[in-house]
Amino acid sequence: TYRFYMKLYRDALGGGADFDSAPGNNLAASVSIFQGTAASPFATQFLEAPTRTNLDLNPGNACLTVPPTVEVEEGLYTFRDIELPIINESYFIVYQRCCRNQALSNINEPGRSGATYFIELTPAAQQTCNNSPRFEEFPPFIICVNEPFAYDLAAQDADGHRLEYEFC
């Protein structure tokens, strides 16, 4: 039995789409679950509205004044009690969303561009009871020009696994 958490972020003032399954949004959030390389999902789970949080965009940075046109909102989806039998193939849990923030300037037609997020549960991962690491801090959304910038990527793993990172 699995419980998954998915955090999505949106520019609340940029004219983009609301979170799927949010009150007043006619698009329902759903995840599809695939076995191995199957082209069709064997299960689909519809998600309830996310828990919404407006993020603090200036956690004490003296050089920063947050523009009044910037507001970032976090949506936390929880989907639980998904029964997946242990198999010799990976499971892929997939969420897709159309439409990016209209304010993006580095994507052609952001309103027509989407994203796919997925998790792979390998056969080895299915054999163990395991938790995902949790990051201790959230990266800043706004930084100051000509000011030093450092970000701590530390995370905690409840199972005590060693975590390695690569940035490219």
N, C-alpha and C. Protein backbone atom coordinates (compact mmCIF):
# COMPACT_ATOMS: atom_id res chain seq x y z
N THR A 1 0.85 -1.18 0.00
CA THR A 1 0.00 0.00 0.00
C THR A 1 0.89 1.23 0.00
N TYR A 2 0.64 2.15 -0.89
CA TYR A 2 1.47 3.34 -1.06
C TYR A 2 0.68 4.60 -0.77
N ARG A 3 1.41 5.62 -0.31
CA ARG A 3 0.89 6.98 -0.17
C ARG A 3 1.87 7.90 -0.88
N PHE A 4 1.35 8.71 -1.77
CA PHE A 4 2.17 9.63 -2.56
C PHE A 4 1.78 11.07 -2.24
N TYR A 5 2.78 11.94 -2.29
CA TYR A 5 2.57 13.38 -2.16
C TYR A 5 3.14 14.04 -3.40
N MET A 6 2.41 15.00 -3.91
CA MET A 6 2.88 15.74 -5.08
C MET A 6 2.68 17.23 -4.80
N LYS A 7 3.78 17.98 -4.87
CA LYS A 7 3.70 19.43 -4.68
C LYS A 7 3.88 20.10 -6.04
N LEU A 8 2.95 20.98 -6.36
CA LEU A 8 3.05 21.77 -7.57
C LEU A 8 3.04 23.24 -7.18
N TYR A 9 3.64 24.06 -8.02
CA TYR A 9 3.74 25.49 -7.74
C TYR A 9 3.20 26.26 -8.92
N ARG A 10 2.56 27.39 -8.62
CA ARG A 10 1.99 28.22 -9.68
C ARG A 10 2.14 29.68 -9.34
N ASP A 11 2.24 30.48 -10.39
CA ASP A 11 2.24 31.93 -10.25
C ASP A 11 0.77 32.32 -10.09
N ALA A 12 0.38 32.70 -8.91
CA ALA A 12 -1.03 32.97 -8.62
C ALA A 12 -1.53 34.25 -9.30
N LEU A 13 -0.62 35.11 -9.76
CA LEU A 13 -1.03 36.38 -10.37
C LEU A 13 -0.69 36.48 -11.85
N GLY A 14 -0.09 35.43 -12.43
CA GLY A 14 0.42 35.50 -13.79
C GLY A 14 -0.54 35.11 -14.89
N GLY A 15 -1.79 34.88 -14.57
CA GLY A 15 -2.76 34.54 -15.59
C GLY A 15 -2.73 33.10 -16.04
N GLY A 16 -2.03 32.24 -15.32
CA GLY A 16 -1.97 30.83 -15.68
C GLY A 16 -3.15 30.05 -15.12
N ALA A 17 -3.18 28.79 -15.42
CA ALA A 17 -4.27 27.93 -14.98
C ALA A 17 -4.21 27.71 -13.47
N ASP A 18 -5.37 27.47 -12.89
CA ASP A 18 -5.46 27.12 -11.48
C ASP A 18 -5.02 25.67 -11.33
N PHE A 19 -4.87 25.21 -10.09
CA PHE A 19 -4.56 23.80 -9.85
C PHE A 19 -5.72 22.94 -10.32
N ASP A 20 -5.40 21.78 -10.89
CA ASP A 20 -6.44 20.82 -11.25
C ASP A 20 -7.17 20.39 -9.98
N SER A 21 -8.46 20.14 -10.11
CA SER A 21 -9.35 19.72 -9.02
C SER A 21 -9.63 20.83 -8.01
N ALA A 22 -9.12 22.03 -8.26
CA ALA A 22 -9.40 23.15 -7.35
C ALA A 22 -10.86 23.55 -7.50
N PRO A 23 -11.49 24.05 -6.44
CA PRO A 23 -12.87 24.52 -6.57
C PRO A 23 -13.01 25.53 -7.70
N GLY A 24 -13.97 25.32 -8.56
CA GLY A 24 -14.19 26.20 -9.69
C GLY A 24 -13.41 25.83 -10.94
N ASN A 25 -12.46 24.90 -10.83
CA ASN A 25 -11.69 24.44 -12.00
C ASN A 25 -12.34 23.16 -12.50
N ASN A 26 -12.75 23.16 -13.77
CA ASN A 26 -13.44 21.97 -14.30
C ASN A 26 -12.49 20.86 -14.72
N LEU A 27 -11.17 21.05 -14.56
CA LEU A 27 -10.21 19.99 -14.87
C LEU A 27 -9.89 19.20 -13.61
N ALA A 28 -10.14 17.91 -13.64
CA ALA A 28 -9.86 17.05 -12.50
C ALA A 28 -8.42 16.57 -12.56
N ALA A 29 -7.73 16.63 -11.44
CA ALA A 29 -6.37 16.09 -11.35
C ALA A 29 -6.46 14.57 -11.31
N SER A 30 -5.59 13.93 -12.07
CA SER A 30 -5.56 12.47 -12.04
C SER A 30 -4.13 12.00 -12.28
N VAL A 31 -3.83 10.84 -11.75
CA VAL A 31 -2.57 10.18 -12.02
C VAL A 31 -2.88 8.84 -12.68
N SER A 32 -2.03 8.47 -13.63
CA SER A 32 -2.16 7.19 -14.30
C SER A 32 -1.03 6.29 -13.83
N ILE A 33 -1.34 5.02 -13.65
CA ILE A 33 -0.34 4.06 -13.19
C ILE A 33 -0.13 3.03 -14.30
N PHE A 34 1.14 2.94 -14.72
CA PHE A 34 1.52 2.03 -15.79
C PHE A 34 2.39 0.92 -15.21
N GLN A 35 2.29 -0.28 -15.81
CA GLN A 35 3.18 -1.39 -15.47
C GLN A 35 4.16 -1.56 -16.61
N GLY A 36 5.45 -1.50 -16.25
CA GLY A 36 6.49 -1.72 -17.26
C GLY A 36 6.36 -0.76 -18.42
N THR A 37 6.44 -1.30 -19.64
CA THR A 37 6.41 -0.47 -20.85
C THR A 37 5.02 -0.44 -21.49
N ALA A 38 4.00 -0.82 -20.76
CA ALA A 38 2.64 -0.83 -21.30
C ALA A 38 2.25 0.55 -21.80
N ALA A 39 1.56 0.59 -22.94
CA ALA A 39 1.16 1.86 -23.54
C ALA A 39 -0.08 2.44 -22.86
N SER A 40 -0.85 1.60 -22.20
CA SER A 40 -2.07 2.07 -21.54
C SER A 40 -1.95 1.85 -20.04
N PRO A 41 -2.49 2.76 -19.25
CA PRO A 41 -2.43 2.57 -17.79
C PRO A 41 -3.35 1.44 -17.35
N PHE A 42 -2.96 0.77 -16.29
CA PHE A 42 -3.84 -0.25 -15.73
C PHE A 42 -4.75 0.34 -14.66
N ALA A 43 -4.44 1.57 -14.21
CA ALA A 43 -5.27 2.22 -13.21
C ALA A 43 -5.12 3.73 -13.34
N THR A 44 -6.17 4.43 -13.00
CA THR A 44 -6.16 5.89 -12.93
C THR A 44 -6.78 6.28 -11.61
N GLN A 45 -6.16 7.22 -10.93
CA GLN A 45 -6.70 7.70 -9.66
C GLN A 45 -6.95 9.20 -9.78
N PHE A 46 -8.19 9.60 -9.48
CA PHE A 46 -8.54 11.01 -9.48
C PHE A 46 -8.22 11.59 -8.11
N LEU A 47 -7.69 12.81 -8.12
CA LEU A 47 -7.21 13.44 -6.90
C LEU A 47 -8.16 14.53 -6.43
N GLU A 48 -8.26 14.64 -5.13
CA GLU A 48 -9.06 15.72 -4.56
C GLU A 48 -8.30 17.03 -4.69
N ALA A 49 -8.97 18.13 -4.40
CA ALA A 49 -8.34 19.45 -4.47
C ALA A 49 -7.11 19.48 -3.58
N PRO A 50 -6.08 20.18 -4.01
CA PRO A 50 -4.86 20.25 -3.20
C PRO A 50 -5.04 21.17 -2.01
N THR A 51 -4.20 20.97 -1.01
CA THR A 51 -4.07 21.93 0.09
C THR A 51 -3.22 23.06 -0.44
N ARG A 52 -3.73 24.29 -0.34
CA ARG A 52 -3.05 25.45 -0.93
C ARG A 52 -2.34 26.27 0.13
N THR A 53 -1.14 26.75 -0.22
CA THR A 53 -0.36 27.61 0.67
C THR A 53 0.28 28.71 -0.16
N ASN A 54 0.12 29.97 0.25
CA ASN A 54 0.86 31.07 -0.37
C ASN A 54 2.24 31.10 0.27
N LEU A 55 3.28 31.13 -0.55
CA LEU A 55 4.64 31.05 -0.04
C LEU A 55 5.20 32.43 0.30
N ASP A 56 6.02 32.46 1.34
CA ASP A 56 6.74 33.67 1.72
C ASP A 56 7.90 33.84 0.76
N LEU A 57 7.86 34.87 -0.05
CA LEU A 57 8.88 35.06 -1.08
C LEU A 57 10.09 35.85 -0.57
N ASN A 58 10.02 36.37 0.63
CA ASN A 58 11.16 37.11 1.19
C ASN A 58 11.38 36.69 2.63
N PRO A 59 12.05 35.57 2.82
CA PRO A 59 12.31 35.11 4.20
C PRO A 59 13.49 35.84 4.82
N GLY A 60 13.44 37.18 4.88
CA GLY A 60 14.45 37.95 5.59
C GLY A 60 15.60 38.45 4.76
N ASN A 61 15.47 38.55 3.44
CA ASN A 61 16.55 39.04 2.61
C ASN A 61 16.45 40.56 2.53
N ALA A 62 17.42 41.29 3.12
CA ALA A 62 17.36 42.75 3.25
C ALA A 62 17.39 43.47 1.91
N CYS A 63 18.01 42.89 0.89
CA CYS A 63 18.12 43.58 -0.40
C CYS A 63 16.87 43.45 -1.25
N LEU A 64 15.91 42.67 -0.81
CA LEU A 64 14.80 42.28 -1.68
C LEU A 64 13.50 42.98 -1.31
N THR A 65 12.86 43.52 -2.32
CA THR A 65 11.49 43.98 -2.20
C THR A 65 10.69 43.17 -3.20
N VAL A 66 9.75 42.37 -2.73
CA VAL A 66 8.97 41.51 -3.61
C VAL A 66 8.01 42.38 -4.41
N PRO A 67 8.07 42.29 -5.74
CA PRO A 67 7.14 43.08 -6.56
C PRO A 67 5.69 42.69 -6.24
N PRO A 68 4.78 43.66 -6.28
CA PRO A 68 3.37 43.35 -5.97
C PRO A 68 2.71 42.44 -7.00
N THR A 69 3.37 42.21 -8.13
CA THR A 69 2.81 41.36 -9.18
C THR A 69 3.27 39.91 -9.07
N VAL A 70 3.98 39.57 -7.99
CA VAL A 70 4.51 38.22 -7.85
C VAL A 70 3.90 37.55 -6.61
N GLU A 71 3.25 36.42 -6.83
CA GLU A 71 2.70 35.62 -5.74
C GLU A 71 2.78 34.15 -6.14
N VAL A 72 3.46 33.35 -5.34
CA VAL A 72 3.64 31.94 -5.65
C VAL A 72 2.80 31.12 -4.68
N GLU A 73 2.09 30.16 -5.24
CA GLU A 73 1.19 29.31 -4.46
C GLU A 73 1.62 27.85 -4.62
N GLU A 74 1.63 27.15 -3.51
CA GLU A 74 1.94 25.71 -3.50
C GLU A 74 0.63 24.94 -3.38
N GLY A 75 0.53 23.88 -4.16
CA GLY A 75 -0.61 22.96 -4.06
C GLY A 75 -0.09 21.59 -3.69
N LEU A 76 -0.52 21.05 -2.56
CA LEU A 76 -0.09 19.73 -2.11
C LEU A 76 -1.21 18.73 -2.33
N TYR A 77 -0.96 17.78 -3.22
CA TYR A 77 -1.89 16.69 -3.47
C TYR A 77 -1.42 15.47 -2.68
N THR A 78 -2.35 14.76 -2.09
CA THR A 78 -2.04 13.52 -1.40
C THR A 78 -2.91 12.43 -2.01
N PHE A 79 -2.27 11.38 -2.49
CA PHE A 79 -3.06 10.24 -2.94
C PHE A 79 -2.53 9.02 -2.22
N ARG A 80 -3.44 8.33 -1.62
CA ARG A 80 -3.04 7.28 -0.69
C ARG A 80 -3.80 5.99 -0.94
N ASP A 81 -3.38 5.01 -0.19
CA ASP A 81 -4.02 3.70 -0.22
C ASP A 81 -4.10 3.11 -1.62
N ILE A 82 -3.01 3.26 -2.34
CA ILE A 82 -2.91 2.64 -3.65
C ILE A 82 -2.25 1.28 -3.46
N GLU A 83 -2.98 0.23 -3.75
CA GLU A 83 -2.48 -1.13 -3.62
C GLU A 83 -1.80 -1.54 -4.91
N LEU A 84 -0.50 -1.81 -4.84
CA LEU A 84 0.26 -2.26 -6.00
C LEU A 84 0.97 -3.55 -5.64
N PRO A 85 0.58 -4.66 -6.27
CA PRO A 85 1.28 -5.91 -5.99
C PRO A 85 2.72 -5.85 -6.47
N ILE A 86 3.58 -6.59 -5.83
CA ILE A 86 4.99 -6.66 -6.22
C ILE A 86 5.08 -7.42 -7.54
N ILE A 87 5.75 -6.81 -8.52
CA ILE A 87 5.92 -7.42 -9.85
C ILE A 87 7.38 -7.31 -10.26
N ASN A 88 7.75 -7.97 -11.35
CA ASN A 88 9.13 -7.95 -11.84
C ASN A 88 9.39 -6.83 -12.83
N GLU A 89 8.49 -5.86 -12.90
CA GLU A 89 8.65 -4.69 -13.75
C GLU A 89 8.48 -3.45 -12.89
N SER A 90 8.88 -2.32 -13.43
CA SER A 90 8.67 -1.06 -12.74
C SER A 90 7.23 -0.60 -12.89
N TYR A 91 6.76 0.12 -11.90
CA TYR A 91 5.52 0.88 -12.01
C TYR A 91 5.91 2.32 -12.33
N PHE A 92 5.11 2.99 -13.13
CA PHE A 92 5.28 4.41 -13.40
C PHE A 92 4.00 5.12 -13.01
N ILE A 93 4.11 6.06 -12.10
CA ILE A 93 2.97 6.85 -11.64
C ILE A 93 3.14 8.21 -12.32
N VAL A 94 2.17 8.60 -13.17
CA VAL A 94 2.35 9.72 -14.08
C VAL A 94 1.25 10.77 -13.89
N TYR A 95 1.69 12.02 -13.84
CA TYR A 95 0.76 13.16 -13.82
C TYR A 95 1.13 14.07 -14.98
N GLN A 96 0.13 14.49 -15.75
CA GLN A 96 0.36 15.40 -16.86
C GLN A 96 -0.52 16.62 -16.70
N ARG A 97 0.02 17.75 -17.14
CA ARG A 97 -0.73 19.01 -17.04
C ARG A 97 -0.42 19.85 -18.26
N CYS A 98 -1.46 20.42 -18.84
CA CYS A 98 -1.25 21.34 -19.95
C CYS A 98 -0.95 22.73 -19.40
N CYS A 99 -0.53 23.55 -20.23
CA CYS A 99 -0.53 25.00 -20.03
C CYS A 99 0.44 25.51 -18.98
N ARG A 100 1.32 26.35 -19.43
CA ARG A 100 2.27 27.01 -18.55
C ARG A 100 1.81 28.43 -18.28
N ASN A 101 2.49 29.08 -17.38
CA ASN A 101 2.22 30.46 -17.03
C ASN A 101 2.39 31.34 -18.25
N GLN A 102 1.42 32.21 -18.52
CA GLN A 102 1.46 33.08 -19.68
C GLN A 102 2.61 34.09 -19.65
N ALA A 103 3.17 34.34 -18.46
CA ALA A 103 4.24 35.32 -18.32
C ALA A 103 5.61 34.78 -18.73
N LEU A 104 5.72 33.48 -19.01
CA LEU A 104 7.01 32.91 -19.38
C LEU A 104 7.47 33.46 -20.72
N SER A 105 8.74 33.85 -20.78
CA SER A 105 9.27 34.39 -22.02
C SER A 105 10.25 33.43 -22.69
N ASN A 106 10.61 32.34 -22.04
CA ASN A 106 11.58 31.42 -22.62
C ASN A 106 10.95 30.14 -23.17
N ILE A 107 9.62 30.12 -23.29
CA ILE A 107 8.91 29.00 -23.90
C ILE A 107 7.96 29.58 -24.94
N ASN A 108 8.06 29.08 -26.17
CA ASN A 108 7.12 29.51 -27.21
C ASN A 108 5.72 29.01 -26.86
N GLU A 109 4.76 29.87 -26.90
CA GLU A 109 3.37 29.54 -26.62
C GLU A 109 3.21 28.78 -25.30
N PRO A 110 3.55 29.41 -24.18
CA PRO A 110 3.47 28.71 -22.90
C PRO A 110 2.07 28.19 -22.58
N GLY A 111 1.04 28.85 -23.07
CA GLY A 111 -0.32 28.38 -22.82
C GLY A 111 -0.65 27.09 -23.55
N ARG A 112 0.21 26.70 -24.49
CA ARG A 112 0.01 25.45 -25.24
C ARG A 112 1.07 24.41 -24.91
N SER A 113 1.93 24.70 -23.92
CA SER A 113 3.00 23.78 -23.53
C SER A 113 2.68 23.19 -22.17
N GLY A 114 2.89 21.91 -22.02
CA GLY A 114 2.57 21.26 -20.76
C GLY A 114 3.78 20.64 -20.09
N ALA A 115 3.50 19.80 -19.11
CA ALA A 115 4.56 19.13 -18.36
C ALA A 115 4.07 17.75 -17.95
N THR A 116 5.02 16.83 -17.82
CA THR A 116 4.74 15.49 -17.32
C THR A 116 5.68 15.23 -16.15
N TYR A 117 5.11 14.77 -15.05
CA TYR A 117 5.89 14.41 -13.86
C TYR A 117 5.63 12.93 -13.60
N PHE A 118 6.69 12.19 -13.24
CA PHE A 118 6.47 10.78 -12.97
C PHE A 118 7.41 10.27 -11.89
N ILE A 119 7.00 9.16 -11.32
CA ILE A 119 7.80 8.42 -10.34
C ILE A 119 7.94 7.01 -10.88
N GLU A 120 9.13 6.44 -10.77
CA GLU A 120 9.33 5.05 -11.13
C GLU A 120 9.54 4.24 -9.86
N LEU A 121 8.73 3.21 -9.70
CA LEU A 121 8.93 2.25 -8.61
C LEU A 121 9.54 0.99 -9.22
N THR A 122 10.82 0.82 -9.04
CA THR A 122 11.53 -0.32 -9.62
C THR A 122 11.15 -1.59 -8.88
N PRO A 123 11.44 -2.76 -9.46
CA PRO A 123 11.19 -4.01 -8.74
C PRO A 123 11.93 -4.05 -7.40
N ALA A 124 13.16 -3.52 -7.35
CA ALA A 124 13.89 -3.50 -6.08
C ALA A 124 13.20 -2.61 -5.06
N ALA A 125 12.69 -1.46 -5.49
CA ALA A 125 12.00 -0.56 -4.57
C ALA A 125 10.71 -1.18 -4.04
N GLN A 126 10.07 -2.01 -4.84
CA GLN A 126 8.83 -2.66 -4.40
C GLN A 126 9.09 -3.67 -3.28
N GLN A 127 10.32 -4.17 -3.18
CA GLN A 127 10.65 -5.19 -2.19
C GLN A 127 10.88 -4.61 -0.79
N THR A 128 11.07 -3.31 -0.71
CA THR A 128 11.38 -2.71 0.59
C THR A 128 10.35 -1.66 0.96
N CYS A 129 10.20 -1.46 2.23
CA CYS A 129 9.35 -0.37 2.73
C CYS A 129 10.27 0.84 2.83
N ASN A 130 10.03 1.85 1.98
CA ASN A 130 10.98 2.94 1.86
C ASN A 130 10.24 4.27 1.81
N ASN A 131 10.89 5.31 2.27
CA ASN A 131 10.37 6.66 2.24
C ASN A 131 11.25 7.52 1.34
N SER A 132 10.68 8.56 0.80
CA SER A 132 11.45 9.51 0.01
C SER A 132 12.10 10.52 0.93
N PRO A 133 13.25 11.05 0.53
CA PRO A 133 13.87 12.11 1.34
C PRO A 133 13.02 13.37 1.26
N ARG A 134 13.19 14.23 2.26
CA ARG A 134 12.48 15.51 2.30
C ARG A 134 13.51 16.62 2.42
N PHE A 135 13.40 17.58 1.53
CA PHE A 135 14.31 18.72 1.56
C PHE A 135 14.01 19.59 2.77
N GLU A 136 15.06 20.13 3.38
CA GLU A 136 14.91 20.94 4.58
C GLU A 136 14.48 22.36 4.27
N GLU A 137 14.91 22.91 3.14
CA GLU A 137 14.57 24.28 2.77
C GLU A 137 14.00 24.29 1.36
N PHE A 138 13.26 25.33 1.07
CA PHE A 138 12.74 25.52 -0.27
C PHE A 138 13.60 26.56 -0.97
N PRO A 139 13.96 26.36 -2.23
CA PRO A 139 14.80 27.35 -2.90
C PRO A 139 14.05 28.67 -3.06
N PRO A 140 14.78 29.77 -3.05
CA PRO A 140 14.12 31.07 -3.21
C PRO A 140 13.56 31.24 -4.62
N PHE A 141 12.45 31.96 -4.72
CA PHE A 141 11.86 32.26 -6.02
C PHE A 141 12.46 33.53 -6.61
N ILE A 142 12.93 34.40 -5.73
CA ILE A 142 13.48 35.68 -6.18
C ILE A 142 14.83 35.86 -5.49
N ILE A 143 15.84 36.27 -6.26
CA ILE A 143 17.15 36.56 -5.69
C ILE A 143 17.56 37.97 -6.13
N CYS A 144 18.51 38.55 -5.45
CA CYS A 144 18.96 39.91 -5.71
C CYS A 144 20.13 39.92 -6.67
N VAL A 145 20.07 40.81 -7.64
CA VAL A 145 21.16 40.96 -8.60
C VAL A 145 22.40 41.49 -7.87
N ASN A 146 23.55 41.01 -8.29
CA ASN A 146 24.85 41.44 -7.75
C ASN A 146 25.02 41.14 -6.26
N GLU A 147 24.26 40.22 -5.73
CA GLU A 147 24.40 39.79 -4.34
C GLU A 147 24.83 38.33 -4.33
N PRO A 148 25.69 37.92 -3.40
CA PRO A 148 26.07 36.50 -3.31
C PRO A 148 24.82 35.65 -3.08
N PHE A 149 24.85 34.46 -3.66
CA PHE A 149 23.71 33.56 -3.54
C PHE A 149 24.21 32.17 -3.15
N ALA A 150 23.64 31.61 -2.11
CA ALA A 150 23.94 30.23 -1.70
C ALA A 150 22.63 29.58 -1.30
N TYR A 151 22.52 28.30 -1.59
CA TYR A 151 21.31 27.56 -1.23
C TYR A 151 21.73 26.20 -0.69
N ASP A 152 21.18 25.82 0.43
CA ASP A 152 21.48 24.55 1.09
C ASP A 152 20.54 23.48 0.55
N LEU A 153 21.08 22.49 -0.13
CA LEU A 153 20.28 21.41 -0.70
C LEU A 153 20.12 20.22 0.24
N ALA A 154 20.35 20.43 1.53
CA ALA A 154 20.28 19.33 2.48
C ALA A 154 18.87 18.72 2.52
N ALA A 155 18.84 17.42 2.67
CA ALA A 155 17.58 16.69 2.80
C ALA A 155 17.76 15.63 3.87
N GLN A 156 16.67 15.20 4.43
CA GLN A 156 16.68 14.14 5.43
C GLN A 156 15.98 12.91 4.86
N ASP A 157 16.56 11.76 5.10
CA ASP A 157 15.97 10.51 4.66
C ASP A 157 15.61 9.70 5.89
N ALA A 158 14.33 9.46 6.08
CA ALA A 158 13.85 8.75 7.27
C ALA A 158 14.43 7.35 7.39
N ASP A 159 14.86 6.76 6.26
CA ASP A 159 15.41 5.41 6.27
C ASP A 159 16.92 5.39 6.44
N GLY A 160 17.54 6.58 6.54
CA GLY A 160 18.97 6.66 6.76
C GLY A 160 19.83 6.42 5.54
N HIS A 161 19.25 6.51 4.35
CA HIS A 161 20.04 6.30 3.13
C HIS A 161 20.94 7.48 2.85
N ARG A 162 22.04 7.21 2.19
CA ARG A 162 22.96 8.26 1.76
C ARG A 162 22.37 8.92 0.52
N LEU A 163 22.34 10.23 0.50
CA LEU A 163 21.79 10.97 -0.62
C LEU A 163 22.92 11.60 -1.42
N GLU A 164 22.85 11.48 -2.74
CA GLU A 164 23.84 12.07 -3.61
C GLU A 164 23.12 12.96 -4.62
N TYR A 165 23.81 14.06 -4.99
CA TYR A 165 23.23 15.01 -5.92
C TYR A 165 24.18 15.24 -7.08
N GLU A 166 23.62 15.58 -8.21
CA GLU A 166 24.40 15.97 -9.37
C GLU A 166 23.70 17.15 -9.99
N PHE A 167 24.45 18.18 -10.31
CA PHE A 167 23.89 19.37 -10.94
C PHE A 167 24.55 19.53 -12.29
N CYS A 168 23.76 19.63 -13.33
CA CYS A 168 24.35 19.80 -14.66
C CYS A 168 23.53 20.79 -15.45
